[in-house]
Amino acid sequence: MAWLLLVLAGLFEVGFTTCLRYTDGFKNLGWNAGFFVCAFLSFTLLEKAAKTIPLGTSYAVWVGIGAVGTVLVGVVTGEETISVVRILLLFGLVACIVGLKLAH
């Protein structure tokens, strides 16, 4: 259950970083609300997962999911470019996240 909470925390991290992209200096109320709700849920779920999973592992997985997800959202929205090198590096990051789960 803790790993599911951690994955959800990472997905909400993608949510708050995506919302942050559109807050326009925290002047856009809708995106601000999305940012704060996603950030609250992300940190709450991370804290709950870290009660069972070691904090260092939890944090690394949380950041990894957030980083990969945020890049993918950027690529899908056309705000970031993708290349073979970036794809390989993202796969490497995902492999490290999976490795942390398997090593736990």
N, C-alpha and C. Protein backbone atom coordinates (compact mmCIF):
# COMPACT_ATOMS: atom_id res chain seq x y z
N MET A 1 0.81 -1.20 0.00
CA MET A 1 0.00 0.00 0.00
C MET A 1 0.86 1.26 0.00
N ALA A 2 1.97 1.23 0.74
CA ALA A 2 2.84 2.41 0.82
C ALA A 2 3.40 2.76 -0.56
N TRP A 3 3.70 1.74 -1.37
CA TRP A 3 4.25 2.03 -2.70
C TRP A 3 3.20 2.66 -3.60
N LEU A 4 1.95 2.24 -3.46
CA LEU A 4 0.87 2.88 -4.22
C LEU A 4 0.72 4.34 -3.82
N LEU A 5 0.77 4.60 -2.51
CA LEU A 5 0.70 5.98 -2.04
C LEU A 5 1.87 6.81 -2.59
N LEU A 6 3.04 6.19 -2.65
CA LEU A 6 4.22 6.90 -3.15
C LEU A 6 4.08 7.22 -4.64
N VAL A 7 3.57 6.28 -5.42
CA VAL A 7 3.35 6.54 -6.85
C VAL A 7 2.32 7.65 -7.02
N LEU A 8 1.25 7.61 -6.24
CA LEU A 8 0.25 8.68 -6.32
C LEU A 8 0.85 10.02 -5.92
N ALA A 9 1.71 10.02 -4.90
CA ALA A 9 2.38 11.25 -4.50
C ALA A 9 3.21 11.80 -5.65
N GLY A 10 3.91 10.92 -6.36
CA GLY A 10 4.70 11.34 -7.52
C GLY A 10 3.83 11.90 -8.63
N LEU A 11 2.68 11.30 -8.85
CA LEU A 11 1.78 11.80 -9.89
C LEU A 11 1.21 13.17 -9.51
N PHE A 12 0.90 13.36 -8.22
CA PHE A 12 0.45 14.68 -7.79
C PHE A 12 1.59 15.70 -7.87
N GLU A 13 2.83 15.23 -7.76
CA GLU A 13 3.96 16.14 -7.97
C GLU A 13 3.96 16.63 -9.42
N VAL A 14 3.71 15.72 -10.34
CA VAL A 14 3.58 16.13 -11.75
C VAL A 14 2.47 17.15 -11.88
N GLY A 15 1.38 16.95 -11.15
CA GLY A 15 0.27 17.90 -11.18
C GLY A 15 0.68 19.27 -10.69
N PHE A 16 1.39 19.33 -9.56
CA PHE A 16 1.72 20.67 -9.05
C PHE A 16 2.81 21.34 -9.87
N THR A 17 3.73 20.59 -10.45
CA THR A 17 4.72 21.24 -11.30
C THR A 17 4.09 21.73 -12.61
N THR A 18 3.14 20.96 -13.11
CA THR A 18 2.43 21.39 -14.32
C THR A 18 1.61 22.65 -14.03
N CYS A 19 0.90 22.66 -12.93
CA CYS A 19 0.14 23.85 -12.55
C CYS A 19 1.06 25.05 -12.35
N LEU A 20 2.21 24.81 -11.73
CA LEU A 20 3.17 25.89 -11.49
C LEU A 20 3.58 26.56 -12.79
N ARG A 21 3.70 25.76 -13.85
CA ARG A 21 4.07 26.28 -15.16
C ARG A 21 3.09 27.34 -15.65
N TYR A 22 1.83 27.24 -15.23
CA TYR A 22 0.78 28.11 -15.76
C TYR A 22 0.25 29.14 -14.74
N THR A 23 0.84 29.23 -13.56
CA THR A 23 0.32 30.16 -12.55
C THR A 23 0.56 31.62 -12.90
N ASP A 24 1.48 31.90 -13.80
CA ASP A 24 1.79 33.27 -14.21
C ASP A 24 2.14 34.12 -12.99
N GLY A 25 3.17 33.65 -12.27
CA GLY A 25 3.59 34.40 -11.09
C GLY A 25 2.55 34.39 -9.98
N PHE A 26 1.79 33.32 -9.92
CA PHE A 26 0.71 33.14 -8.95
C PHE A 26 -0.39 34.20 -9.10
N LYS A 27 -0.61 34.64 -10.35
CA LYS A 27 -1.70 35.57 -10.63
C LYS A 27 -2.93 34.86 -11.20
N ASN A 28 -2.79 33.61 -11.62
CA ASN A 28 -3.90 32.87 -12.23
C ASN A 28 -4.54 31.98 -11.16
N LEU A 29 -5.70 32.38 -10.68
CA LEU A 29 -6.31 31.72 -9.53
C LEU A 29 -6.61 30.24 -9.76
N GLY A 30 -7.08 29.88 -10.93
CA GLY A 30 -7.39 28.48 -11.20
C GLY A 30 -6.16 27.59 -11.13
N TRP A 31 -5.09 28.01 -11.79
CA TRP A 31 -3.85 27.23 -11.75
C TRP A 31 -3.22 27.28 -10.36
N ASN A 32 -3.38 28.40 -9.65
CA ASN A 32 -2.90 28.48 -8.26
C ASN A 32 -3.59 27.43 -7.40
N ALA A 33 -4.91 27.33 -7.54
CA ALA A 33 -5.68 26.36 -6.76
C ALA A 33 -5.21 24.94 -7.08
N GLY A 34 -5.03 24.66 -8.36
CA GLY A 34 -4.53 23.34 -8.77
C GLY A 34 -3.16 23.05 -8.17
N PHE A 35 -2.30 24.07 -8.18
CA PHE A 35 -0.96 23.91 -7.61
C PHE A 35 -1.05 23.55 -6.13
N PHE A 36 -1.81 24.33 -5.37
CA PHE A 36 -1.87 24.11 -3.92
C PHE A 36 -2.54 22.78 -3.56
N VAL A 37 -3.59 22.41 -4.27
CA VAL A 37 -4.26 21.13 -4.01
C VAL A 37 -3.32 19.98 -4.32
N CYS A 38 -2.69 20.02 -5.49
CA CYS A 38 -1.77 18.94 -5.87
C CYS A 38 -0.56 18.87 -4.95
N ALA A 39 -0.02 20.03 -4.57
CA ALA A 39 1.13 20.05 -3.67
C ALA A 39 0.74 19.46 -2.31
N PHE A 40 -0.40 19.86 -1.79
CA PHE A 40 -0.86 19.33 -0.50
C PHE A 40 -1.01 17.81 -0.56
N LEU A 41 -1.68 17.32 -1.61
CA LEU A 41 -1.88 15.88 -1.74
C LEU A 41 -0.56 15.15 -1.94
N SER A 42 0.32 15.72 -2.74
CA SER A 42 1.61 15.09 -3.00
C SER A 42 2.44 14.95 -1.72
N PHE A 43 2.56 16.03 -0.97
CA PHE A 43 3.35 15.99 0.25
C PHE A 43 2.69 15.11 1.32
N THR A 44 1.37 15.13 1.39
CA THR A 44 0.66 14.29 2.36
C THR A 44 0.87 12.82 2.06
N LEU A 45 0.74 12.44 0.79
CA LEU A 45 0.93 11.05 0.41
C LEU A 45 2.39 10.62 0.58
N LEU A 46 3.33 11.52 0.27
CA LEU A 46 4.74 11.22 0.47
C LEU A 46 5.01 10.96 1.95
N GLU A 47 4.46 11.79 2.80
CA GLU A 47 4.66 11.62 4.24
C GLU A 47 4.10 10.29 4.72
N LYS A 48 2.93 9.91 4.23
CA LYS A 48 2.33 8.63 4.63
C LYS A 48 3.17 7.46 4.13
N ALA A 49 3.64 7.53 2.89
CA ALA A 49 4.46 6.45 2.33
C ALA A 49 5.78 6.31 3.08
N ALA A 50 6.34 7.44 3.50
CA ALA A 50 7.63 7.43 4.18
C ALA A 50 7.56 6.87 5.59
N LYS A 51 6.36 6.58 6.07
CA LYS A 51 6.24 5.91 7.36
C LYS A 51 6.64 4.44 7.25
N THR A 52 6.52 3.89 6.04
CA THR A 52 6.85 2.49 5.80
C THR A 52 8.11 2.33 4.97
N ILE A 53 8.24 3.14 3.94
CA ILE A 53 9.40 3.09 3.04
C ILE A 53 10.43 4.08 3.58
N PRO A 54 11.72 3.71 3.62
CA PRO A 54 12.73 4.66 4.11
C PRO A 54 12.63 6.00 3.39
N LEU A 55 12.84 7.07 4.14
CA LEU A 55 12.66 8.42 3.60
C LEU A 55 13.53 8.68 2.38
N GLY A 56 14.79 8.27 2.41
CA GLY A 56 15.66 8.50 1.27
C GLY A 56 15.15 7.83 0.01
N THR A 57 14.69 6.60 0.15
CA THR A 57 14.11 5.87 -0.99
C THR A 57 12.83 6.54 -1.44
N SER A 58 11.97 6.89 -0.48
CA SER A 58 10.71 7.55 -0.82
C SER A 58 10.95 8.84 -1.59
N TYR A 59 11.88 9.62 -1.09
CA TYR A 59 12.16 10.91 -1.73
C TYR A 59 12.71 10.72 -3.13
N ALA A 60 13.65 9.79 -3.29
CA ALA A 60 14.24 9.55 -4.62
C ALA A 60 13.19 9.09 -5.62
N VAL A 61 12.32 8.19 -5.21
CA VAL A 61 11.27 7.70 -6.11
C VAL A 61 10.29 8.83 -6.42
N TRP A 62 9.90 9.59 -5.41
CA TRP A 62 8.96 10.70 -5.59
C TRP A 62 9.51 11.73 -6.58
N VAL A 63 10.76 12.11 -6.39
CA VAL A 63 11.39 13.07 -7.30
C VAL A 63 11.52 12.49 -8.70
N GLY A 64 11.89 11.22 -8.80
CA GLY A 64 12.04 10.59 -10.10
C GLY A 64 10.74 10.55 -10.88
N ILE A 65 9.66 10.14 -10.21
CA ILE A 65 8.35 10.11 -10.88
C ILE A 65 7.97 11.52 -11.31
N GLY A 66 8.18 12.47 -10.42
CA GLY A 66 7.85 13.87 -10.75
C GLY A 66 8.66 14.39 -11.91
N ALA A 67 9.95 14.08 -11.93
CA ALA A 67 10.82 14.58 -13.01
C ALA A 67 10.43 13.97 -14.35
N VAL A 68 10.27 12.66 -14.39
CA VAL A 68 9.91 12.00 -15.65
C VAL A 68 8.54 12.48 -16.12
N GLY A 69 7.58 12.51 -15.20
CA GLY A 69 6.24 12.94 -15.57
C GLY A 69 6.18 14.38 -16.05
N THR A 70 6.93 15.25 -15.40
CA THR A 70 6.94 16.66 -15.79
C THR A 70 7.57 16.85 -17.16
N VAL A 71 8.62 16.11 -17.45
CA VAL A 71 9.22 16.17 -18.80
C VAL A 71 8.21 15.68 -19.83
N LEU A 72 7.54 14.57 -19.53
CA LEU A 72 6.57 14.03 -20.49
C LEU A 72 5.42 15.00 -20.74
N VAL A 73 4.93 15.65 -19.69
CA VAL A 73 3.88 16.66 -19.89
C VAL A 73 4.41 17.80 -20.76
N GLY A 74 5.63 18.23 -20.51
CA GLY A 74 6.23 19.28 -21.33
C GLY A 74 6.35 18.89 -22.79
N VAL A 75 6.70 17.65 -23.05
CA VAL A 75 6.82 17.16 -24.43
C VAL A 75 5.44 17.11 -25.09
N VAL A 76 4.45 16.57 -24.36
CA VAL A 76 3.09 16.46 -24.91
C VAL A 76 2.50 17.83 -25.21
N THR A 77 2.77 18.82 -24.36
CA THR A 77 2.23 20.16 -24.59
C THR A 77 3.06 20.97 -25.59
N GLY A 78 4.17 20.41 -26.01
CA GLY A 78 5.01 21.10 -26.98
C GLY A 78 5.94 22.14 -26.38
N GLU A 79 6.02 22.18 -25.06
CA GLU A 79 6.87 23.18 -24.39
C GLU A 79 8.29 22.68 -24.16
N GLU A 80 8.51 21.38 -24.38
CA GLU A 80 9.85 20.81 -24.27
C GLU A 80 10.10 19.93 -25.48
N THR A 81 11.36 19.84 -25.83
CA THR A 81 11.73 18.98 -26.96
C THR A 81 12.19 17.63 -26.44
N ILE A 82 12.15 16.66 -27.33
CA ILE A 82 12.60 15.32 -26.97
C ILE A 82 13.64 14.89 -28.00
N SER A 83 14.60 14.14 -27.54
CA SER A 83 15.65 13.61 -28.41
C SER A 83 15.97 12.20 -27.96
N VAL A 84 16.72 11.51 -28.75
CA VAL A 84 17.10 10.14 -28.40
C VAL A 84 17.87 10.14 -27.08
N VAL A 85 18.75 11.10 -26.91
CA VAL A 85 19.52 11.16 -25.67
C VAL A 85 18.61 11.38 -24.47
N ARG A 86 17.67 12.30 -24.59
CA ARG A 86 16.73 12.55 -23.47
C ARG A 86 15.89 11.32 -23.18
N ILE A 87 15.43 10.63 -24.22
CA ILE A 87 14.65 9.41 -24.03
C ILE A 87 15.47 8.37 -23.28
N LEU A 88 16.71 8.18 -23.68
CA LEU A 88 17.58 7.21 -23.01
C LEU A 88 17.82 7.58 -21.55
N LEU A 89 18.03 8.85 -21.30
CA LEU A 89 18.24 9.31 -19.92
C LEU A 89 16.98 9.13 -19.08
N LEU A 90 15.81 9.39 -19.65
CA LEU A 90 14.56 9.17 -18.93
C LEU A 90 14.36 7.69 -18.62
N PHE A 91 14.68 6.82 -19.60
CA PHE A 91 14.60 5.38 -19.34
C PHE A 91 15.55 4.99 -18.22
N GLY A 92 16.74 5.60 -18.20
CA GLY A 92 17.69 5.33 -17.13
C GLY A 92 17.13 5.74 -15.78
N LEU A 93 16.47 6.88 -15.73
CA LEU A 93 15.86 7.35 -14.49
C LEU A 93 14.75 6.40 -14.04
N VAL A 94 13.92 5.97 -14.97
CA VAL A 94 12.85 5.01 -14.64
C VAL A 94 13.47 3.69 -14.15
N ALA A 95 14.55 3.26 -14.78
CA ALA A 95 15.21 2.02 -14.35
C ALA A 95 15.72 2.16 -12.91
N CYS A 96 16.24 3.33 -12.57
CA CYS A 96 16.69 3.56 -11.20
C CYS A 96 15.54 3.54 -10.21
N ILE A 97 14.41 4.09 -10.58
CA ILE A 97 13.22 4.08 -9.71
C ILE A 97 12.77 2.63 -9.48
N VAL A 98 12.69 1.85 -10.57
CA VAL A 98 12.30 0.45 -10.46
C VAL A 98 13.34 -0.30 -9.61
N GLY A 99 14.61 -0.01 -9.81
CA GLY A 99 15.66 -0.64 -9.03
C GLY A 99 15.52 -0.37 -7.54
N LEU A 100 15.16 0.85 -7.20
CA LEU A 100 14.95 1.18 -5.78
C LEU A 100 13.80 0.37 -5.19
N LYS A 101 12.75 0.18 -5.98
CA LYS A 101 11.62 -0.64 -5.52
C LYS A 101 12.07 -2.09 -5.33
N LEU A 102 12.81 -2.62 -6.29
CA LEU A 102 13.24 -4.01 -6.21
C LEU A 102 14.24 -4.25 -5.09
N ALA A 103 15.04 -3.25 -4.80
CA ALA A 103 16.06 -3.38 -3.75
C ALA A 103 15.50 -3.20 -2.36
N HIS A 104 14.28 -2.72 -2.26
CA HIS A 104 13.69 -2.44 -0.94
C HIS A 104 13.26 -3.71 -0.26
